[in-house]
């Protein structure tokens, strides 16, 4: 009996000291740029903020998740990457043709910290241990799609101008902290974040240098 009690205490301590290192199932955190109108991304939460937010989920329960939402459906805009950039430093216009093949596999991306896990499937990513059901995300976050397209761009680059072609998009972000309990013991605790694309397209921009 004593050995069992010691084992349970050691397991409990391991969960308590789990790190807040963030991990993600996709590369939305490595976009060329990502701007939000308000709030913070999960990766920007400080230790002090985690400590404050954890107090909202540290009251024990017999079984299941306790969730505290920090940011709900905050709007964001992003550039995934610059696909083409050309500067004409000559004296005559230059005609250019660019063909782009793109593939979008999912509109939903997840990130987590601490001991909260993520699992991926052929349809869409999910948090482990059914955290998705406790977070109660809106219908926008439930969509997943696979889309392929080929875009051909014919353009004329005037002298003294630069033309940039990049993928621009807008989306929603919801994040917060959560803790899972089993028989009054906390077995998981950390931060969660869900990102969903609401619109995405190629944008062509001409700049005079």
N, C-alpha and C. Protein backbone atom coordinates (compact mmCIF):
# COMPACT_ATOMS: atom_id res chain seq x y z
N UNK A 1 0.83 -1.21 0.00
CA UNK A 1 0.00 0.00 0.00
C UNK A 1 0.86 1.25 0.00
N UNK A 2 1.95 1.21 0.81
CA UNK A 2 2.84 2.36 0.89
C UNK A 2 3.54 2.59 -0.44
N UNK A 3 3.95 1.49 -1.11
CA UNK A 3 4.62 1.63 -2.41
C UNK A 3 3.69 2.26 -3.44
N UNK A 4 2.41 1.86 -3.40
CA UNK A 4 1.44 2.42 -4.33
C UNK A 4 1.25 3.91 -4.09
N UNK A 5 1.23 4.29 -2.80
CA UNK A 5 1.05 5.69 -2.46
C UNK A 5 2.24 6.52 -2.92
N UNK A 6 3.46 5.98 -2.75
CA UNK A 6 4.66 6.68 -3.19
C UNK A 6 4.66 6.84 -4.70
N UNK A 7 4.26 5.77 -5.41
CA UNK A 7 4.21 5.82 -6.87
C UNK A 7 3.24 6.90 -7.35
N UNK A 8 2.06 6.96 -6.72
CA UNK A 8 1.06 7.96 -7.12
C UNK A 8 1.58 9.38 -6.85
N UNK A 9 2.27 9.58 -5.73
CA UNK A 9 2.81 10.89 -5.40
C UNK A 9 3.89 11.32 -6.41
N UNK A 10 4.75 10.36 -6.80
CA UNK A 10 5.79 10.66 -7.78
C UNK A 10 5.18 11.04 -9.12
N UNK A 11 4.14 10.30 -9.54
CA UNK A 11 3.45 10.61 -10.79
C UNK A 11 2.84 12.00 -10.73
N UNK A 12 2.24 12.32 -9.59
CA UNK A 12 1.62 13.63 -9.40
C UNK A 12 2.64 14.75 -9.51
N UNK A 13 3.85 14.55 -8.95
CA UNK A 13 4.90 15.55 -9.00
C UNK A 13 5.42 15.75 -10.42
N UNK A 14 5.50 14.65 -11.17
CA UNK A 14 5.96 14.75 -12.55
C UNK A 14 5.02 15.62 -13.36
N UNK A 15 3.72 15.43 -13.14
CA UNK A 15 2.72 16.24 -13.85
C UNK A 15 2.83 17.70 -13.45
N UNK A 16 3.10 17.96 -12.18
CA UNK A 16 3.17 19.33 -11.69
C UNK A 16 4.31 20.11 -12.32
N UNK A 17 5.45 19.45 -12.58
CA UNK A 17 6.62 20.17 -13.09
C UNK A 17 6.74 20.10 -14.59
N UNK A 18 5.69 19.61 -15.26
CA UNK A 18 5.73 19.54 -16.72
C UNK A 18 5.96 20.93 -17.30
N UNK A 19 6.73 21.01 -18.38
CA UNK A 19 7.15 22.30 -18.93
C UNK A 19 6.05 22.93 -19.77
N UNK A 20 6.26 24.21 -20.08
CA UNK A 20 5.32 24.95 -20.92
C UNK A 20 5.87 25.12 -22.33
N UNK A 21 6.71 24.21 -22.77
CA UNK A 21 7.24 24.27 -24.12
C UNK A 21 6.11 24.01 -25.11
N UNK A 22 5.95 24.90 -26.07
CA UNK A 22 4.83 24.78 -27.00
C UNK A 22 5.19 23.85 -28.15
N UNK A 23 4.19 23.11 -28.63
CA UNK A 23 4.37 22.30 -29.82
C UNK A 23 3.10 22.43 -30.66
N UNK A 24 3.24 22.23 -31.95
CA UNK A 24 2.12 22.44 -32.86
C UNK A 24 2.05 21.32 -33.88
N UNK A 25 0.85 21.07 -34.39
CA UNK A 25 0.69 20.02 -35.39
C UNK A 25 0.89 20.56 -36.79
N UNK A 26 1.00 21.85 -36.97
CA UNK A 26 1.17 22.43 -38.30
C UNK A 26 2.13 23.59 -38.21
N UNK A 27 2.32 24.30 -39.33
CA UNK A 27 3.34 25.34 -39.36
C UNK A 27 2.78 26.74 -39.29
N UNK A 28 1.57 26.93 -38.77
CA UNK A 28 1.03 28.30 -38.75
C UNK A 28 1.88 29.22 -37.88
N UNK A 29 2.60 28.67 -36.93
CA UNK A 29 3.47 29.50 -36.10
C UNK A 29 4.73 29.93 -36.85
N UNK A 30 4.99 29.31 -37.99
CA UNK A 30 6.17 29.69 -38.77
C UNK A 30 5.80 30.47 -40.02
N UNK A 31 4.58 31.02 -40.04
CA UNK A 31 4.19 31.90 -41.15
C UNK A 31 5.17 33.06 -41.24
N UNK A 32 5.29 33.61 -42.43
CA UNK A 32 6.17 34.75 -42.63
C UNK A 32 5.76 35.92 -41.73
N UNK A 33 4.47 36.11 -41.56
CA UNK A 33 3.96 37.11 -40.61
C UNK A 33 2.59 36.68 -40.13
N UNK A 34 2.27 37.00 -38.89
CA UNK A 34 0.97 36.70 -38.30
C UNK A 34 0.64 37.83 -37.33
N UNK A 35 -0.44 38.54 -37.60
CA UNK A 35 -0.82 39.68 -36.77
C UNK A 35 -2.21 39.45 -36.19
N UNK A 36 -2.37 39.77 -34.91
CA UNK A 36 -3.67 39.63 -34.25
C UNK A 36 -4.15 41.00 -33.80
N UNK A 37 -5.47 41.15 -33.77
CA UNK A 37 -6.06 42.46 -33.43
C UNK A 37 -5.98 42.76 -31.94
N UNK A 38 -5.99 41.71 -31.12
CA UNK A 38 -5.93 41.89 -29.68
C UNK A 38 -5.48 40.57 -29.05
N UNK A 39 -5.24 40.59 -27.75
CA UNK A 39 -4.88 39.37 -27.06
C UNK A 39 -3.46 38.92 -27.34
N UNK A 40 -3.19 37.63 -27.07
CA UNK A 40 -1.86 37.05 -27.22
C UNK A 40 -1.94 35.65 -27.80
N UNK A 41 -0.87 35.26 -28.49
CA UNK A 41 -0.74 33.88 -28.91
C UNK A 41 -0.25 33.05 -27.74
N UNK A 42 -0.48 31.75 -27.81
CA UNK A 42 -0.07 30.85 -26.73
C UNK A 42 1.43 30.94 -26.48
N UNK A 43 2.22 31.06 -27.53
CA UNK A 43 3.68 31.11 -27.38
C UNK A 43 4.15 32.37 -26.67
N UNK A 44 3.27 33.38 -26.57
CA UNK A 44 3.64 34.64 -25.91
C UNK A 44 3.18 34.70 -24.45
N UNK A 45 2.47 33.68 -23.97
CA UNK A 45 2.08 33.66 -22.56
C UNK A 45 3.33 33.63 -21.69
N UNK A 46 3.36 34.47 -20.66
CA UNK A 46 4.49 34.48 -19.74
C UNK A 46 4.25 33.48 -18.60
N UNK A 47 5.31 33.18 -17.85
CA UNK A 47 5.18 32.29 -16.70
C UNK A 47 4.20 32.86 -15.69
N UNK A 48 4.24 34.18 -15.52
CA UNK A 48 3.33 34.83 -14.59
C UNK A 48 1.88 34.68 -15.04
N UNK A 49 1.64 34.81 -16.34
CA UNK A 49 0.29 34.67 -16.86
C UNK A 49 -0.20 33.23 -16.72
N UNK A 50 0.69 32.28 -17.02
CA UNK A 50 0.31 30.88 -16.82
C UNK A 50 -0.10 30.63 -15.37
N UNK A 51 0.68 31.18 -14.45
CA UNK A 51 0.38 30.99 -13.02
C UNK A 51 -1.00 31.54 -12.68
N UNK A 52 -1.33 32.70 -13.24
CA UNK A 52 -2.64 33.31 -12.99
C UNK A 52 -3.76 32.48 -13.61
N UNK A 53 -3.57 32.05 -14.84
CA UNK A 53 -4.60 31.30 -15.55
C UNK A 53 -4.80 29.91 -14.94
N UNK A 54 -3.71 29.29 -14.49
CA UNK A 54 -3.82 27.95 -13.91
C UNK A 54 -4.70 27.93 -12.65
N UNK A 55 -4.74 29.05 -11.96
CA UNK A 55 -5.59 29.12 -10.77
C UNK A 55 -7.06 28.88 -11.12
N UNK A 56 -7.42 29.17 -12.37
CA UNK A 56 -8.81 28.99 -12.81
C UNK A 56 -9.17 27.52 -13.03
N UNK A 57 -8.15 26.66 -13.17
CA UNK A 57 -8.42 25.25 -13.45
C UNK A 57 -7.82 24.31 -12.40
N UNK A 58 -7.26 24.86 -11.34
CA UNK A 58 -6.58 24.03 -10.34
C UNK A 58 -7.50 23.46 -9.27
N UNK A 59 -8.74 23.90 -9.22
CA UNK A 59 -9.67 23.31 -8.26
C UNK A 59 -10.05 21.92 -8.75
N UNK A 60 -9.76 20.91 -7.97
CA UNK A 60 -9.87 19.53 -8.42
C UNK A 60 -11.32 19.10 -8.64
N UNK A 61 -11.47 18.15 -9.57
CA UNK A 61 -12.76 17.52 -9.83
C UNK A 61 -12.54 16.02 -9.94
N UNK A 62 -13.60 15.27 -9.84
CA UNK A 62 -13.47 13.81 -9.83
C UNK A 62 -12.95 13.29 -11.16
N UNK A 63 -13.51 13.76 -12.26
CA UNK A 63 -13.11 13.23 -13.56
C UNK A 63 -13.36 14.28 -14.65
N UNK A 64 -12.46 14.35 -15.64
CA UNK A 64 -12.68 15.20 -16.80
C UNK A 64 -11.81 16.46 -16.82
N UNK A 65 -12.13 17.31 -17.78
CA UNK A 65 -11.36 18.54 -18.01
C UNK A 65 -11.97 19.75 -17.32
N UNK A 66 -11.11 20.67 -16.90
CA UNK A 66 -11.51 22.01 -16.51
C UNK A 66 -10.80 22.96 -17.47
N UNK A 67 -11.55 23.89 -18.04
CA UNK A 67 -11.02 24.75 -19.10
C UNK A 67 -11.23 26.22 -18.74
N UNK A 68 -10.22 27.03 -19.02
CA UNK A 68 -10.33 28.48 -18.88
C UNK A 68 -9.89 29.11 -20.20
N UNK A 69 -10.80 29.81 -20.86
CA UNK A 69 -10.50 30.44 -22.15
C UNK A 69 -9.96 31.85 -21.91
N UNK A 70 -8.78 32.12 -22.44
CA UNK A 70 -8.15 33.43 -22.31
C UNK A 70 -8.56 34.34 -23.47
N UNK A 71 -8.44 33.84 -24.69
CA UNK A 71 -8.82 34.61 -25.89
C UNK A 71 -9.79 33.78 -26.72
N UNK A 72 -10.91 34.38 -27.10
CA UNK A 72 -11.96 33.67 -27.83
C UNK A 72 -12.18 34.32 -29.20
N UNK A 73 -11.94 33.57 -30.26
CA UNK A 73 -12.22 34.01 -31.64
C UNK A 73 -11.60 35.36 -31.95
N UNK A 74 -10.34 35.55 -31.60
CA UNK A 74 -9.67 36.80 -31.96
C UNK A 74 -9.29 36.74 -33.44
N UNK A 75 -9.49 37.86 -34.14
CA UNK A 75 -9.23 37.91 -35.57
C UNK A 75 -7.73 38.11 -35.84
N UNK A 76 -7.26 37.47 -36.89
CA UNK A 76 -5.86 37.59 -37.25
C UNK A 76 -5.72 37.64 -38.77
N UNK A 77 -4.61 38.17 -39.22
CA UNK A 77 -4.26 38.16 -40.64
C UNK A 77 -2.83 37.65 -40.76
N UNK A 78 -2.52 37.06 -41.89
CA UNK A 78 -1.20 36.43 -42.01
C UNK A 78 -0.74 36.39 -43.47
N UNK A 79 0.57 36.21 -43.62
CA UNK A 79 1.20 35.90 -44.90
C UNK A 79 1.97 34.61 -44.70
N UNK A 80 1.61 33.59 -45.42
CA UNK A 80 2.32 32.31 -45.24
C UNK A 80 3.74 32.40 -45.79
N UNK A 81 3.85 32.94 -47.00
CA UNK A 81 5.16 33.08 -47.62
C UNK A 81 5.05 33.98 -48.85
N UNK A 82 6.17 34.59 -49.21
CA UNK A 82 6.25 35.35 -50.45
C UNK A 82 6.62 34.39 -51.57
N UNK A 83 5.76 34.27 -52.56
CA UNK A 83 5.97 33.29 -53.63
C UNK A 83 6.88 33.82 -54.73
N UNK A 84 6.81 35.12 -54.94
CA UNK A 84 7.56 35.69 -56.05
C UNK A 84 7.82 37.16 -55.77
N UNK A 85 9.04 37.60 -56.02
CA UNK A 85 9.38 39.01 -55.86
C UNK A 85 10.37 39.38 -56.97
N UNK A 86 9.99 40.41 -57.75
CA UNK A 86 10.85 40.80 -58.87
C UNK A 86 10.95 42.32 -58.92
N UNK A 87 12.17 42.81 -59.08
CA UNK A 87 12.43 44.24 -59.15
C UNK A 87 13.00 44.58 -60.53
N UNK A 88 12.38 45.53 -61.19
CA UNK A 88 12.84 45.97 -62.50
C UNK A 88 13.65 47.26 -62.35
N UNK A 89 14.96 47.13 -62.48
CA UNK A 89 15.83 48.32 -62.37
C UNK A 89 16.28 48.81 -63.74
N UNK A 90 15.56 48.34 -64.79
CA UNK A 90 15.89 48.79 -66.13
C UNK A 90 15.09 49.99 -66.56
N UNK A 91 14.98 50.17 -67.90
CA UNK A 91 14.31 51.35 -68.44
C UNK A 91 13.05 50.99 -69.24
N UNK A 92 12.80 49.72 -69.42
CA UNK A 92 11.62 49.28 -70.17
C UNK A 92 10.85 48.26 -69.35
N UNK A 93 9.52 48.17 -69.58
CA UNK A 93 8.72 47.18 -68.86
C UNK A 93 9.16 45.76 -69.20
N UNK A 94 8.98 44.86 -68.23
CA UNK A 94 9.33 43.45 -68.42
C UNK A 94 8.07 42.63 -68.22
N UNK A 95 7.75 41.79 -69.20
CA UNK A 95 6.61 40.89 -69.07
C UNK A 95 7.06 39.59 -68.41
N UNK A 96 6.23 39.11 -67.49
CA UNK A 96 6.61 37.92 -66.75
C UNK A 96 5.38 37.04 -66.53
N UNK A 97 5.58 35.74 -66.64
CA UNK A 97 4.51 34.78 -66.38
C UNK A 97 4.94 33.84 -65.27
N UNK A 98 4.04 33.65 -64.30
CA UNK A 98 4.36 32.82 -63.14
C UNK A 98 3.23 31.83 -62.91
N UNK A 99 3.58 30.56 -62.78
CA UNK A 99 2.58 29.52 -62.53
C UNK A 99 2.79 28.96 -61.12
N UNK A 100 1.71 28.93 -60.37
CA UNK A 100 1.77 28.48 -58.98
C UNK A 100 0.83 27.30 -58.77
N UNK A 101 1.36 26.24 -58.17
CA UNK A 101 0.55 25.08 -57.78
C UNK A 101 0.50 25.05 -56.26
N UNK A 102 -0.70 25.09 -55.69
CA UNK A 102 -0.86 25.08 -54.24
C UNK A 102 -1.76 23.95 -53.80
N UNK A 103 -1.58 23.52 -52.56
CA UNK A 103 -2.42 22.47 -51.99
C UNK A 103 -2.71 22.83 -50.54
N UNK A 104 -3.98 22.94 -50.20
CA UNK A 104 -4.42 23.19 -48.84
C UNK A 104 -5.01 21.91 -48.28
N UNK A 105 -4.46 21.39 -47.19
CA UNK A 105 -4.92 20.12 -46.66
C UNK A 105 -5.87 20.28 -45.48
N UNK A 106 -5.80 21.38 -44.76
CA UNK A 106 -6.68 21.56 -43.62
C UNK A 106 -6.80 23.04 -43.28
N UNK A 107 -7.96 23.44 -42.81
CA UNK A 107 -8.17 24.82 -42.38
C UNK A 107 -7.89 24.98 -40.89
N UNK A 108 -7.75 23.88 -40.18
CA UNK A 108 -7.61 23.91 -38.73
C UNK A 108 -6.20 23.51 -38.30
N UNK A 109 -5.64 24.27 -37.36
CA UNK A 109 -4.34 23.95 -36.78
C UNK A 109 -4.42 24.08 -35.27
N UNK A 110 -3.67 23.25 -34.56
CA UNK A 110 -3.68 23.25 -33.10
C UNK A 110 -2.27 23.38 -32.55
N UNK A 111 -2.18 23.99 -31.38
CA UNK A 111 -0.93 24.07 -30.63
C UNK A 111 -1.23 23.79 -29.16
N UNK A 112 -0.22 23.34 -28.45
CA UNK A 112 -0.42 23.04 -27.03
C UNK A 112 0.89 23.19 -26.28
N UNK A 113 0.79 23.33 -24.97
CA UNK A 113 1.97 23.39 -24.11
C UNK A 113 1.73 22.52 -22.89
N UNK A 114 2.76 22.37 -22.07
CA UNK A 114 2.63 21.51 -20.90
C UNK A 114 2.44 20.07 -21.30
N UNK A 115 1.53 19.36 -20.63
CA UNK A 115 1.32 17.94 -20.90
C UNK A 115 0.06 17.68 -21.73
N UNK A 116 -0.46 18.72 -22.38
CA UNK A 116 -1.60 18.54 -23.29
C UNK A 116 -1.06 18.08 -24.64
N UNK A 117 -1.64 17.02 -25.18
CA UNK A 117 -1.15 16.45 -26.42
C UNK A 117 -2.05 16.70 -27.60
N UNK A 118 -1.51 16.48 -28.78
CA UNK A 118 -2.23 16.65 -30.04
C UNK A 118 -2.08 15.36 -30.85
N UNK A 119 -3.16 14.94 -31.47
CA UNK A 119 -3.10 13.80 -32.37
C UNK A 119 -3.62 14.21 -33.74
N UNK A 120 -3.01 13.67 -34.77
CA UNK A 120 -3.41 13.99 -36.13
C UNK A 120 -4.05 12.77 -36.78
N UNK A 121 -4.95 13.05 -37.71
CA UNK A 121 -5.62 11.97 -38.43
C UNK A 121 -5.75 12.38 -39.89
N UNK A 122 -6.39 11.54 -40.67
CA UNK A 122 -6.54 11.83 -42.09
C UNK A 122 -7.55 12.95 -42.35
N UNK A 123 -8.36 13.27 -41.37
CA UNK A 123 -9.39 14.30 -41.55
C UNK A 123 -8.99 15.63 -40.93
N UNK A 124 -8.64 15.64 -39.65
CA UNK A 124 -8.26 16.89 -39.01
C UNK A 124 -7.51 16.60 -37.72
N UNK A 125 -6.72 17.57 -37.21
CA UNK A 125 -6.03 17.37 -35.94
C UNK A 125 -6.99 17.49 -34.77
N UNK A 126 -6.67 16.84 -33.67
CA UNK A 126 -7.49 16.91 -32.46
C UNK A 126 -6.58 16.92 -31.23
N UNK A 127 -7.08 17.52 -30.15
CA UNK A 127 -6.39 17.41 -28.88
C UNK A 127 -6.64 16.02 -28.31
N UNK A 128 -5.67 15.49 -27.60
CA UNK A 128 -5.83 14.17 -27.00
C UNK A 128 -6.80 14.22 -25.82
N UNK A 129 -7.34 13.05 -25.50
CA UNK A 129 -8.23 12.88 -24.34
C UNK A 129 -9.50 13.73 -24.43
N UNK A 130 -9.95 13.99 -25.66
CA UNK A 130 -11.23 14.65 -25.91
C UNK A 130 -11.31 16.06 -25.32
N UNK A 131 -10.18 16.77 -25.32
CA UNK A 131 -10.21 18.16 -24.86
C UNK A 131 -11.09 19.01 -25.78
N UNK A 132 -11.15 18.66 -27.07
CA UNK A 132 -11.95 19.43 -28.02
C UNK A 132 -13.40 19.59 -27.55
N UNK A 133 -13.96 18.51 -27.01
CA UNK A 133 -15.35 18.55 -26.55
C UNK A 133 -15.55 19.48 -25.38
N UNK A 134 -14.53 19.64 -24.55
CA UNK A 134 -14.65 20.53 -23.39
C UNK A 134 -14.42 21.99 -23.75
N UNK A 135 -13.61 22.24 -24.77
CA UNK A 135 -13.34 23.61 -25.19
C UNK A 135 -14.57 24.22 -25.84
N UNK A 136 -15.37 23.40 -26.54
CA UNK A 136 -16.60 23.84 -27.21
C UNK A 136 -16.31 24.95 -28.22
N UNK A 137 -15.46 24.61 -29.19
CA UNK A 137 -15.15 25.55 -30.26
C UNK A 137 -16.35 25.74 -31.17
N UNK A 138 -16.42 26.89 -31.82
CA UNK A 138 -17.52 27.16 -32.74
C UNK A 138 -17.41 26.28 -33.98
N UNK A 139 -18.46 26.29 -34.80
CA UNK A 139 -18.51 25.44 -35.97
C UNK A 139 -17.39 25.73 -36.95
N UNK A 140 -16.88 26.96 -36.96
CA UNK A 140 -15.80 27.31 -37.89
C UNK A 140 -14.57 26.44 -37.68
N UNK A 141 -14.34 26.01 -36.44
CA UNK A 141 -13.16 25.24 -36.13
C UNK A 141 -13.32 23.75 -36.45
N UNK A 142 -14.50 23.34 -36.85
CA UNK A 142 -14.76 21.93 -37.13
C UNK A 142 -14.53 21.58 -38.59
N UNK A 143 -14.27 22.59 -39.43
CA UNK A 143 -14.14 22.35 -40.86
C UNK A 143 -12.74 21.87 -41.21
N UNK A 144 -12.68 21.01 -42.20
CA UNK A 144 -11.41 20.52 -42.72
C UNK A 144 -11.59 20.25 -44.20
N UNK A 145 -10.59 20.55 -44.98
CA UNK A 145 -10.75 20.38 -46.42
C UNK A 145 -9.41 20.10 -47.08
N UNK A 146 -9.48 19.58 -48.27
CA UNK A 146 -8.29 19.41 -49.10
C UNK A 146 -8.58 20.03 -50.46
N UNK A 147 -7.76 20.98 -50.87
CA UNK A 147 -8.02 21.72 -52.11
C UNK A 147 -6.72 21.90 -52.87
N UNK A 148 -6.77 21.65 -54.17
CA UNK A 148 -5.62 21.87 -55.03
C UNK A 148 -6.00 22.90 -56.09
N UNK A 149 -5.06 23.76 -56.42
CA UNK A 149 -5.33 24.72 -57.48
C UNK A 149 -4.05 25.14 -58.17
N UNK A 150 -4.18 25.52 -59.42
CA UNK A 150 -3.05 26.01 -60.20
C UNK A 150 -3.39 27.41 -60.69
N UNK A 151 -2.52 28.36 -60.41
CA UNK A 151 -2.76 29.75 -60.76
C UNK A 151 -1.66 30.24 -61.70
N UNK A 152 -2.07 30.81 -62.83
CA UNK A 152 -1.12 31.37 -63.78
C UNK A 152 -1.25 32.89 -63.75
N UNK A 153 -0.14 33.58 -63.51
CA UNK A 153 -0.15 35.04 -63.38
C UNK A 153 0.69 35.65 -64.50
N UNK A 154 0.06 36.49 -65.29
CA UNK A 154 0.76 37.27 -66.32
C UNK A 154 0.84 38.72 -65.86
N UNK A 155 2.02 39.24 -65.78
CA UNK A 155 2.16 40.59 -65.28
C UNK A 155 3.24 41.36 -66.03
N UNK A 156 3.14 42.66 -65.91
CA UNK A 156 4.13 43.55 -66.51
C UNK A 156 4.77 44.37 -65.40
N UNK A 157 6.08 44.24 -65.29
CA UNK A 157 6.82 44.95 -64.25
C UNK A 157 7.40 46.23 -64.86
N UNK A 158 6.87 47.36 -64.40
CA UNK A 158 7.31 48.65 -64.93
C UNK A 158 8.69 49.00 -64.40
N UNK A 159 9.41 49.85 -65.11
CA UNK A 159 10.72 50.30 -64.62
C UNK A 159 10.60 50.97 -63.25
N UNK A 160 11.53 50.69 -62.39
CA UNK A 160 11.54 51.31 -61.06
C UNK A 160 10.48 50.80 -60.12
N UNK A 161 9.92 49.62 -60.39
CA UNK A 161 8.90 49.05 -59.51
C UNK A 161 9.28 47.62 -59.11
N UNK A 162 8.68 47.20 -58.01
CA UNK A 162 8.87 45.83 -57.52
C UNK A 162 7.51 45.16 -57.40
N UNK A 163 7.41 43.94 -57.87
CA UNK A 163 6.17 43.18 -57.80
C UNK A 163 6.35 42.01 -56.84
N UNK A 164 5.44 41.89 -55.86
CA UNK A 164 5.48 40.80 -54.89
C UNK A 164 4.19 39.99 -55.00
N UNK A 165 4.32 38.70 -55.04
CA UNK A 165 3.17 37.81 -55.02
C UNK A 165 3.28 36.94 -53.77
N UNK A 166 2.25 36.98 -52.93
CA UNK A 166 2.31 36.22 -51.69
C UNK A 166 0.94 35.66 -51.33
N UNK A 167 0.93 34.67 -50.44
CA UNK A 167 -0.32 34.09 -49.97
C UNK A 167 -0.76 34.83 -48.71
N UNK A 168 -1.92 35.46 -48.80
CA UNK A 168 -2.48 36.24 -47.70
C UNK A 168 -3.73 35.53 -47.18
N UNK A 169 -3.93 35.60 -45.88
CA UNK A 169 -5.12 34.98 -45.33
C UNK A 169 -5.58 35.65 -44.05
N UNK A 170 -6.78 35.30 -43.63
CA UNK A 170 -7.34 35.77 -42.36
C UNK A 170 -7.90 34.56 -41.62
N UNK A 171 -7.93 34.66 -40.29
CA UNK A 171 -8.41 33.54 -39.51
C UNK A 171 -8.87 33.94 -38.12
N UNK A 172 -9.18 32.93 -37.32
CA UNK A 172 -9.61 33.11 -35.94
C UNK A 172 -8.74 32.27 -35.03
N UNK A 173 -8.49 32.79 -33.83
CA UNK A 173 -7.67 32.07 -32.85
C UNK A 173 -8.38 32.05 -31.51
N UNK A 174 -8.43 30.88 -30.90
CA UNK A 174 -8.94 30.71 -29.54
C UNK A 174 -7.88 29.98 -28.72
N UNK A 175 -7.58 30.49 -27.52
CA UNK A 175 -6.60 29.81 -26.68
C UNK A 175 -6.93 29.97 -25.21
N UNK A 176 -6.21 29.25 -24.38
CA UNK A 176 -6.43 29.28 -22.94
C UNK A 176 -5.65 28.17 -22.26
N UNK A 177 -6.08 27.78 -21.09
CA UNK A 177 -5.43 26.70 -20.34
C UNK A 177 -6.46 25.66 -19.94
N UNK A 178 -5.99 24.46 -19.65
CA UNK A 178 -6.90 23.38 -19.27
C UNK A 178 -6.17 22.38 -18.37
N UNK A 179 -6.93 21.68 -17.56
CA UNK A 179 -6.38 20.63 -16.70
C UNK A 179 -7.35 19.45 -16.70
N UNK A 180 -6.80 18.24 -16.77
CA UNK A 180 -7.63 17.03 -16.77
C UNK A 180 -7.42 16.26 -15.46
N UNK A 181 -8.53 15.79 -14.90
CA UNK A 181 -8.48 15.08 -13.62
C UNK A 181 -9.05 13.67 -13.75
N UNK A 182 -8.45 12.78 -12.98
CA UNK A 182 -8.94 11.41 -12.91
C UNK A 182 -8.90 10.97 -11.45
N UNK A 183 -10.07 10.72 -10.89
CA UNK A 183 -10.18 10.32 -9.47
C UNK A 183 -9.53 11.36 -8.56
N UNK A 184 -9.80 12.62 -8.86
CA UNK A 184 -9.34 13.78 -8.11
C UNK A 184 -7.87 14.11 -8.33
N UNK A 185 -7.13 13.28 -9.08
CA UNK A 185 -5.73 13.57 -9.36
C UNK A 185 -5.62 14.30 -10.70
N UNK A 186 -4.76 15.32 -10.75
CA UNK A 186 -4.53 16.03 -12.00
C UNK A 186 -3.53 15.23 -12.84
N UNK A 187 -3.93 14.87 -14.04
CA UNK A 187 -3.07 14.05 -14.90
C UNK A 187 -2.55 14.82 -16.12
N UNK A 188 -3.17 15.93 -16.45
CA UNK A 188 -2.69 16.78 -17.55
C UNK A 188 -2.97 18.24 -17.22
N UNK A 189 -2.04 19.10 -17.62
CA UNK A 189 -2.27 20.53 -17.46
C UNK A 189 -1.38 21.28 -18.44
N UNK A 190 -1.93 22.31 -19.07
CA UNK A 190 -1.14 23.09 -20.00
C UNK A 190 -1.99 24.10 -20.75
N UNK A 191 -1.41 24.66 -21.79
CA UNK A 191 -2.12 25.62 -22.61
C UNK A 191 -2.58 24.99 -23.91
N UNK A 192 -3.63 25.55 -24.50
CA UNK A 192 -4.13 25.06 -25.77
C UNK A 192 -4.41 26.24 -26.70
N UNK A 193 -4.33 25.98 -27.99
CA UNK A 193 -4.63 27.03 -28.96
C UNK A 193 -5.17 26.38 -30.24
N UNK A 194 -6.23 26.98 -30.78
CA UNK A 194 -6.82 26.52 -32.03
C UNK A 194 -6.82 27.67 -33.03
N UNK A 195 -6.35 27.40 -34.22
CA UNK A 195 -6.27 28.41 -35.29
C UNK A 195 -7.04 27.87 -36.49
N UNK A 196 -7.92 28.69 -37.06
CA UNK A 196 -8.68 28.26 -38.23
C UNK A 196 -8.64 29.34 -39.30
N UNK A 197 -8.46 28.91 -40.54
CA UNK A 197 -8.44 29.83 -41.68
C UNK A 197 -9.88 30.16 -42.07
N UNK A 198 -10.19 31.44 -42.21
CA UNK A 198 -11.52 31.84 -42.69
C UNK A 198 -11.48 32.24 -44.16
N UNK A 199 -10.34 32.78 -44.60
CA UNK A 199 -10.17 33.08 -46.02
C UNK A 199 -8.68 33.10 -46.35
N UNK A 200 -8.34 32.67 -47.57
CA UNK A 200 -6.94 32.66 -47.99
C UNK A 200 -6.87 32.77 -49.51
N UNK A 201 -5.96 33.60 -49.99
CA UNK A 201 -5.83 33.77 -51.44
C UNK A 201 -4.46 34.37 -51.76
N UNK A 202 -4.13 34.36 -53.07
CA UNK A 202 -2.88 34.96 -53.52
C UNK A 202 -3.10 36.45 -53.74
N UNK A 203 -2.16 37.24 -53.27
CA UNK A 203 -2.27 38.70 -53.44
C UNK A 203 -1.05 39.21 -54.20
N UNK A 204 -1.33 40.01 -55.20
CA UNK A 204 -0.26 40.61 -56.01
C UNK A 204 -0.14 42.09 -55.66
N UNK A 205 1.06 42.53 -55.37
CA UNK A 205 1.29 43.90 -54.94
C UNK A 205 2.42 44.52 -55.73
N UNK A 206 2.18 45.70 -56.29
CA UNK A 206 3.20 46.40 -57.05
C UNK A 206 3.62 47.63 -56.27
N UNK A 207 4.92 47.75 -56.05
CA UNK A 207 5.48 48.84 -55.24
C UNK A 207 6.50 49.63 -56.07
N UNK A 208 6.37 50.96 -56.02
CA UNK A 208 7.36 51.79 -56.71
C UNK A 208 8.54 52.02 -55.76
N UNK A 209 9.72 51.71 -56.25
CA UNK A 209 10.93 51.83 -55.44
C UNK A 209 11.64 53.15 -55.75
